[in-house]
Amino acid sequence: MAQKKQHCDCLSTIKPVRDTLDVINGKWKLPIIISVGVGNDRFTDIQESIPGITPKVLAKELKDLEQHKLITRIVADEYPVKITYKLEPYADTLTPIIYALKDWGENHRKVVTER
């Protein structure tokens, strides 16, 4: 019976972690969130702030983030049309996760490079 409980406890952690990773996984989503969060609101500004990202991939990832209600696409009714992106308040819930990943990554780099 104890073994069954551990299995359920494990699943109760794995499922929400998997859900989180399904939203923010990949090479580009967190860099895009970080870029928009620091003030890059135009497509080209976001692209230039993330080395190696292609326009096609950026467009796809922005749409995905918009579907997950993390980013909003704003189309200004002017000529020429101006499109900007901003983080939704809900995206602020990722801030502690991003900083935890940053801290872990810095620490891990030290651990791996120490000999």
N, C-alpha and C. Protein backbone atom coordinates (compact mmCIF):
# COMPACT_ATOMS: atom_id res chain seq x y z
N MET A 1 0.82 -1.19 0.00
CA MET A 1 0.00 0.00 0.00
C MET A 1 0.87 1.27 0.00
N ALA A 2 1.96 1.25 0.75
CA ALA A 2 2.85 2.41 0.78
C ALA A 2 3.43 2.68 -0.60
N GLN A 3 3.69 1.61 -1.34
CA GLN A 3 4.23 1.76 -2.68
C GLN A 3 3.21 2.46 -3.60
N LYS A 4 1.95 2.14 -3.46
CA LYS A 4 0.88 2.76 -4.27
C LYS A 4 0.79 4.25 -3.95
N LYS A 5 0.90 4.62 -2.66
CA LYS A 5 0.84 6.02 -2.25
C LYS A 5 2.00 6.80 -2.86
N GLN A 6 3.21 6.23 -2.84
CA GLN A 6 4.36 6.91 -3.42
C GLN A 6 4.14 7.14 -4.92
N HIS A 7 3.54 6.16 -5.58
CA HIS A 7 3.24 6.28 -7.00
C HIS A 7 2.29 7.45 -7.24
N CYS A 8 1.24 7.56 -6.45
CA CYS A 8 0.28 8.66 -6.59
C CYS A 8 0.92 10.00 -6.27
N ASP A 9 1.76 10.03 -5.22
CA ASP A 9 2.46 11.27 -4.87
C ASP A 9 3.37 11.71 -6.01
N CYS A 10 4.03 10.75 -6.62
CA CYS A 10 4.92 11.04 -7.74
C CYS A 10 4.12 11.62 -8.91
N LEU A 11 3.01 11.01 -9.24
CA LEU A 11 2.18 11.48 -10.35
C LEU A 11 1.61 12.87 -10.07
N SER A 12 1.29 13.13 -8.80
CA SER A 12 0.72 14.44 -8.47
C SER A 12 1.75 15.55 -8.67
N THR A 13 3.02 15.21 -8.71
CA THR A 13 4.07 16.19 -9.01
C THR A 13 4.39 16.19 -10.50
N ILE A 14 4.47 15.02 -11.08
CA ILE A 14 4.86 14.92 -12.49
C ILE A 14 3.86 15.60 -13.41
N LYS A 15 2.58 15.40 -13.19
CA LYS A 15 1.57 15.95 -14.10
C LYS A 15 1.63 17.48 -14.21
N PRO A 16 1.64 18.21 -13.09
CA PRO A 16 1.71 19.67 -13.23
C PRO A 16 3.06 20.14 -13.79
N VAL A 17 4.15 19.43 -13.48
CA VAL A 17 5.45 19.80 -14.04
C VAL A 17 5.41 19.60 -15.55
N ARG A 18 4.83 18.51 -15.99
CA ARG A 18 4.70 18.24 -17.44
C ARG A 18 3.85 19.32 -18.11
N ASP A 19 2.76 19.72 -17.45
CA ASP A 19 1.91 20.80 -17.99
C ASP A 19 2.71 22.09 -18.15
N THR A 20 3.52 22.40 -17.15
CA THR A 20 4.35 23.61 -17.21
C THR A 20 5.33 23.52 -18.36
N LEU A 21 6.01 22.39 -18.47
CA LEU A 21 7.00 22.24 -19.53
C LEU A 21 6.36 22.26 -20.91
N ASP A 22 5.13 21.78 -21.01
CA ASP A 22 4.43 21.83 -22.30
C ASP A 22 4.21 23.28 -22.75
N VAL A 23 4.10 24.20 -21.81
CA VAL A 23 3.87 25.61 -22.16
C VAL A 23 5.19 26.34 -22.41
N ILE A 24 6.21 26.12 -21.59
CA ILE A 24 7.43 26.93 -21.68
C ILE A 24 8.63 26.17 -22.25
N ASN A 25 8.40 24.94 -22.74
CA ASN A 25 9.54 24.16 -23.22
C ASN A 25 10.10 24.71 -24.51
N GLY A 26 11.20 24.17 -24.90
CA GLY A 26 11.83 24.56 -26.14
C GLY A 26 12.90 25.60 -25.93
N LYS A 27 13.54 25.90 -27.00
CA LYS A 27 14.70 26.78 -26.98
C LYS A 27 14.33 28.26 -26.90
N TRP A 28 13.11 28.62 -27.33
CA TRP A 28 12.83 30.03 -27.58
C TRP A 28 11.79 30.68 -26.67
N LYS A 29 10.90 29.92 -26.06
CA LYS A 29 9.78 30.56 -25.34
C LYS A 29 10.24 31.42 -24.17
N LEU A 30 11.09 30.89 -23.32
CA LEU A 30 11.55 31.71 -22.19
C LEU A 30 12.37 32.92 -22.64
N PRO A 31 13.28 32.76 -23.61
CA PRO A 31 13.96 33.98 -24.10
C PRO A 31 13.01 35.03 -24.65
N ILE A 32 11.93 34.61 -25.32
CA ILE A 32 10.96 35.57 -25.83
C ILE A 32 10.26 36.27 -24.67
N ILE A 33 9.84 35.51 -23.68
CA ILE A 33 9.17 36.09 -22.50
C ILE A 33 10.11 37.08 -21.81
N ILE A 34 11.36 36.71 -21.67
CA ILE A 34 12.34 37.60 -21.03
C ILE A 34 12.53 38.86 -21.88
N SER A 35 12.66 38.70 -23.19
CA SER A 35 12.86 39.84 -24.08
C SER A 35 11.70 40.83 -24.01
N VAL A 36 10.49 40.32 -24.12
CA VAL A 36 9.32 41.19 -24.04
C VAL A 36 9.23 41.82 -22.64
N GLY A 37 9.57 41.05 -21.63
CA GLY A 37 9.51 41.54 -20.25
C GLY A 37 10.46 42.69 -19.96
N VAL A 38 11.59 42.73 -20.68
CA VAL A 38 12.54 43.84 -20.45
C VAL A 38 12.27 45.03 -21.37
N GLY A 39 11.21 44.94 -22.19
CA GLY A 39 10.81 46.12 -22.95
C GLY A 39 10.88 46.01 -24.46
N ASN A 40 11.33 44.90 -24.99
CA ASN A 40 11.32 44.74 -26.44
C ASN A 40 9.90 44.40 -26.87
N ASP A 41 9.23 45.37 -27.50
CA ASP A 41 7.82 45.15 -27.81
C ASP A 41 7.52 45.01 -29.30
N ARG A 42 8.48 45.32 -30.15
CA ARG A 42 8.29 45.17 -31.59
C ARG A 42 8.93 43.86 -32.04
N PHE A 43 8.36 43.27 -33.09
CA PHE A 43 8.83 41.99 -33.60
C PHE A 43 10.34 42.01 -33.87
N THR A 44 10.80 43.05 -34.58
CA THR A 44 12.23 43.11 -34.92
C THR A 44 13.11 43.29 -33.68
N ASP A 45 12.61 44.05 -32.70
CA ASP A 45 13.38 44.22 -31.46
C ASP A 45 13.53 42.89 -30.72
N ILE A 46 12.44 42.14 -30.68
CA ILE A 46 12.48 40.82 -30.03
C ILE A 46 13.46 39.93 -30.77
N GLN A 47 13.34 39.89 -32.10
CA GLN A 47 14.21 39.04 -32.90
C GLN A 47 15.68 39.41 -32.71
N GLU A 48 15.99 40.70 -32.73
CA GLU A 48 17.38 41.14 -32.58
C GLU A 48 17.94 40.85 -31.19
N SER A 49 17.07 40.76 -30.19
CA SER A 49 17.54 40.52 -28.83
C SER A 49 17.80 39.04 -28.54
N ILE A 50 17.39 38.17 -29.45
CA ILE A 50 17.55 36.72 -29.24
C ILE A 50 18.39 36.16 -30.38
N PRO A 51 19.69 35.98 -30.16
CA PRO A 51 20.56 35.49 -31.22
C PRO A 51 20.11 34.12 -31.75
N GLY A 52 20.04 34.03 -33.09
CA GLY A 52 19.76 32.75 -33.72
C GLY A 52 18.30 32.45 -34.02
N ILE A 53 17.39 33.23 -33.51
CA ILE A 53 15.97 32.95 -33.77
C ILE A 53 15.59 33.49 -35.16
N THR A 54 14.85 32.69 -35.90
CA THR A 54 14.42 33.11 -37.24
C THR A 54 13.05 33.79 -37.14
N PRO A 55 12.71 34.62 -38.11
CA PRO A 55 11.39 35.27 -38.08
C PRO A 55 10.24 34.25 -38.06
N LYS A 56 10.38 33.17 -38.81
CA LYS A 56 9.34 32.15 -38.86
C LYS A 56 9.13 31.51 -37.49
N VAL A 57 10.21 31.17 -36.82
CA VAL A 57 10.11 30.55 -35.50
C VAL A 57 9.57 31.56 -34.49
N LEU A 58 10.04 32.79 -34.54
CA LEU A 58 9.56 33.82 -33.62
C LEU A 58 8.05 34.01 -33.77
N ALA A 59 7.57 34.09 -35.01
CA ALA A 59 6.14 34.26 -35.24
C ALA A 59 5.35 33.10 -34.65
N LYS A 60 5.82 31.88 -34.86
CA LYS A 60 5.14 30.69 -34.33
C LYS A 60 5.11 30.71 -32.81
N GLU A 61 6.26 31.00 -32.21
CA GLU A 61 6.36 30.98 -30.75
C GLU A 61 5.51 32.10 -30.12
N LEU A 62 5.47 33.27 -30.75
CA LEU A 62 4.62 34.35 -30.25
C LEU A 62 3.15 33.94 -30.27
N LYS A 63 2.74 33.26 -31.34
CA LYS A 63 1.36 32.77 -31.41
C LYS A 63 1.08 31.76 -30.31
N ASP A 64 2.03 30.85 -30.08
CA ASP A 64 1.85 29.86 -29.00
C ASP A 64 1.72 30.55 -27.64
N LEU A 65 2.59 31.52 -27.39
CA LEU A 65 2.55 32.24 -26.11
C LEU A 65 1.26 33.04 -25.97
N GLU A 66 0.76 33.53 -27.08
CA GLU A 66 -0.51 34.25 -27.06
C GLU A 66 -1.67 33.29 -26.74
N GLN A 67 -1.64 32.10 -27.30
CA GLN A 67 -2.67 31.10 -27.01
C GLN A 67 -2.68 30.71 -25.54
N HIS A 68 -1.50 30.70 -24.93
CA HIS A 68 -1.39 30.35 -23.51
C HIS A 68 -1.59 31.55 -22.59
N LYS A 69 -2.00 32.68 -23.18
CA LYS A 69 -2.34 33.89 -22.43
C LYS A 69 -1.16 34.47 -21.65
N LEU A 70 0.03 34.34 -22.24
CA LEU A 70 1.23 34.91 -21.63
C LEU A 70 1.65 36.21 -22.31
N ILE A 71 1.31 36.34 -23.59
CA ILE A 71 1.66 37.53 -24.38
C ILE A 71 0.41 38.01 -25.13
N THR A 72 0.30 39.31 -25.28
CA THR A 72 -0.77 39.90 -26.07
C THR A 72 -0.17 40.61 -27.28
N ARG A 73 -0.80 40.40 -28.41
CA ARG A 73 -0.42 41.09 -29.66
C ARG A 73 -1.36 42.28 -29.80
N ILE A 74 -0.77 43.46 -29.94
CA ILE A 74 -1.56 44.69 -30.03
C ILE A 74 -1.35 45.30 -31.41
N VAL A 75 -2.45 45.49 -32.14
CA VAL A 75 -2.40 46.09 -33.46
C VAL A 75 -2.96 47.51 -33.35
N ALA A 76 -2.09 48.49 -33.58
CA ALA A 76 -2.51 49.89 -33.50
C ALA A 76 -3.20 50.28 -34.79
N ASP A 77 -4.31 50.97 -34.67
CA ASP A 77 -5.10 51.38 -35.82
C ASP A 77 -4.54 52.69 -36.36
N GLU A 78 -3.43 52.58 -37.06
CA GLU A 78 -2.79 53.76 -37.64
C GLU A 78 -2.10 53.34 -38.93
N TYR A 79 -1.57 54.29 -39.65
CA TYR A 79 -0.86 53.97 -40.86
C TYR A 79 0.56 54.48 -40.74
N PRO A 80 1.57 53.67 -40.96
CA PRO A 80 1.46 52.23 -41.19
C PRO A 80 1.04 51.50 -39.91
N VAL A 81 0.50 50.32 -40.09
CA VAL A 81 0.04 49.53 -38.95
C VAL A 81 1.23 49.24 -38.04
N LYS A 82 1.01 49.42 -36.76
CA LYS A 82 2.07 49.16 -35.77
C LYS A 82 1.61 48.00 -34.89
N ILE A 83 2.43 46.95 -34.86
CA ILE A 83 2.13 45.78 -34.04
C ILE A 83 3.15 45.71 -32.92
N THR A 84 2.65 45.60 -31.70
CA THR A 84 3.53 45.46 -30.54
C THR A 84 3.06 44.25 -29.73
N TYR A 85 3.94 43.83 -28.84
CA TYR A 85 3.66 42.69 -27.97
C TYR A 85 3.91 43.12 -26.54
N LYS A 86 3.08 42.62 -25.64
CA LYS A 86 3.30 42.89 -24.22
C LYS A 86 2.98 41.63 -23.42
N LEU A 87 3.60 41.54 -22.27
CA LEU A 87 3.33 40.42 -21.38
C LEU A 87 1.99 40.63 -20.70
N GLU A 88 1.25 39.57 -20.58
CA GLU A 88 0.03 39.60 -19.79
C GLU A 88 0.43 39.55 -18.31
N PRO A 89 -0.38 40.09 -17.41
CA PRO A 89 -0.07 39.99 -15.98
C PRO A 89 0.17 38.54 -15.53
N TYR A 90 -0.53 37.61 -16.17
CA TYR A 90 -0.36 36.19 -15.85
C TYR A 90 1.09 35.73 -16.06
N ALA A 91 1.80 36.35 -17.02
CA ALA A 91 3.19 35.98 -17.29
C ALA A 91 4.09 36.30 -16.10
N ASP A 92 3.67 37.24 -15.26
CA ASP A 92 4.46 37.57 -14.07
C ASP A 92 4.60 36.37 -13.14
N THR A 93 3.70 35.41 -13.23
CA THR A 93 3.81 34.22 -12.38
C THR A 93 5.03 33.38 -12.77
N LEU A 94 5.59 33.63 -13.95
CA LEU A 94 6.79 32.91 -14.38
C LEU A 94 8.08 33.54 -13.84
N THR A 95 8.00 34.76 -13.34
CA THR A 95 9.21 35.47 -12.89
C THR A 95 10.00 34.67 -11.86
N PRO A 96 9.38 34.13 -10.79
CA PRO A 96 10.19 33.37 -9.85
C PRO A 96 10.78 32.10 -10.47
N ILE A 97 10.09 31.53 -11.42
CA ILE A 97 10.60 30.33 -12.10
C ILE A 97 11.82 30.70 -12.94
N ILE A 98 11.73 31.81 -13.66
CA ILE A 98 12.84 32.25 -14.49
C ILE A 98 14.06 32.54 -13.64
N TYR A 99 13.87 33.24 -12.51
CA TYR A 99 15.01 33.54 -11.64
C TYR A 99 15.57 32.28 -10.98
N ALA A 100 14.71 31.33 -10.64
CA ALA A 100 15.19 30.06 -10.08
C ALA A 100 16.01 29.31 -11.13
N LEU A 101 15.56 29.30 -12.38
CA LEU A 101 16.33 28.66 -13.45
C LEU A 101 17.66 29.37 -13.68
N LYS A 102 17.65 30.70 -13.61
CA LYS A 102 18.88 31.47 -13.78
C LYS A 102 19.88 31.12 -12.68
N ASP A 103 19.40 31.14 -11.43
CA ASP A 103 20.28 30.82 -10.30
C ASP A 103 20.82 29.40 -10.41
N TRP A 104 19.95 28.46 -10.76
CA TRP A 104 20.37 27.07 -10.88
C TRP A 104 21.41 26.93 -11.99
N GLY A 105 21.17 27.60 -13.12
CA GLY A 105 22.10 27.53 -14.24
C GLY A 105 23.47 28.11 -13.90
N GLU A 106 23.48 29.24 -13.19
CA GLU A 106 24.76 29.82 -12.78
C GLU A 106 25.50 28.88 -11.83
N ASN A 107 24.77 28.32 -10.87
CA ASN A 107 25.38 27.39 -9.92
C ASN A 107 25.87 26.13 -10.64
N HIS A 108 25.06 25.61 -11.53
CA HIS A 108 25.44 24.40 -12.25
C HIS A 108 26.70 24.62 -13.09
N ARG A 109 26.80 25.78 -13.71
CA ARG A 109 27.99 26.10 -14.50
C ARG A 109 29.23 26.06 -13.62
N LYS A 110 29.13 26.60 -12.40
CA LYS A 110 30.26 26.58 -11.46
C LYS A 110 30.60 25.15 -11.08
N VAL A 111 29.59 24.34 -10.76
CA VAL A 111 29.81 22.95 -10.35
C VAL A 111 30.49 22.16 -11.47
N VAL A 112 30.02 22.37 -12.68
CA VAL A 112 30.54 21.60 -13.82
C VAL A 112 31.96 22.04 -14.19
N THR A 113 32.25 23.34 -14.05
CA THR A 113 33.56 23.83 -14.47
C THR A 113 34.62 23.70 -13.39
N GLU A 114 34.22 23.43 -12.14
CA GLU A 114 35.21 23.21 -11.06
C GLU A 114 35.87 21.86 -11.27
N ARG A 115 37.15 21.82 -11.03
CA ARG A 115 37.86 20.54 -11.17
C ARG A 115 38.76 20.33 -10.02
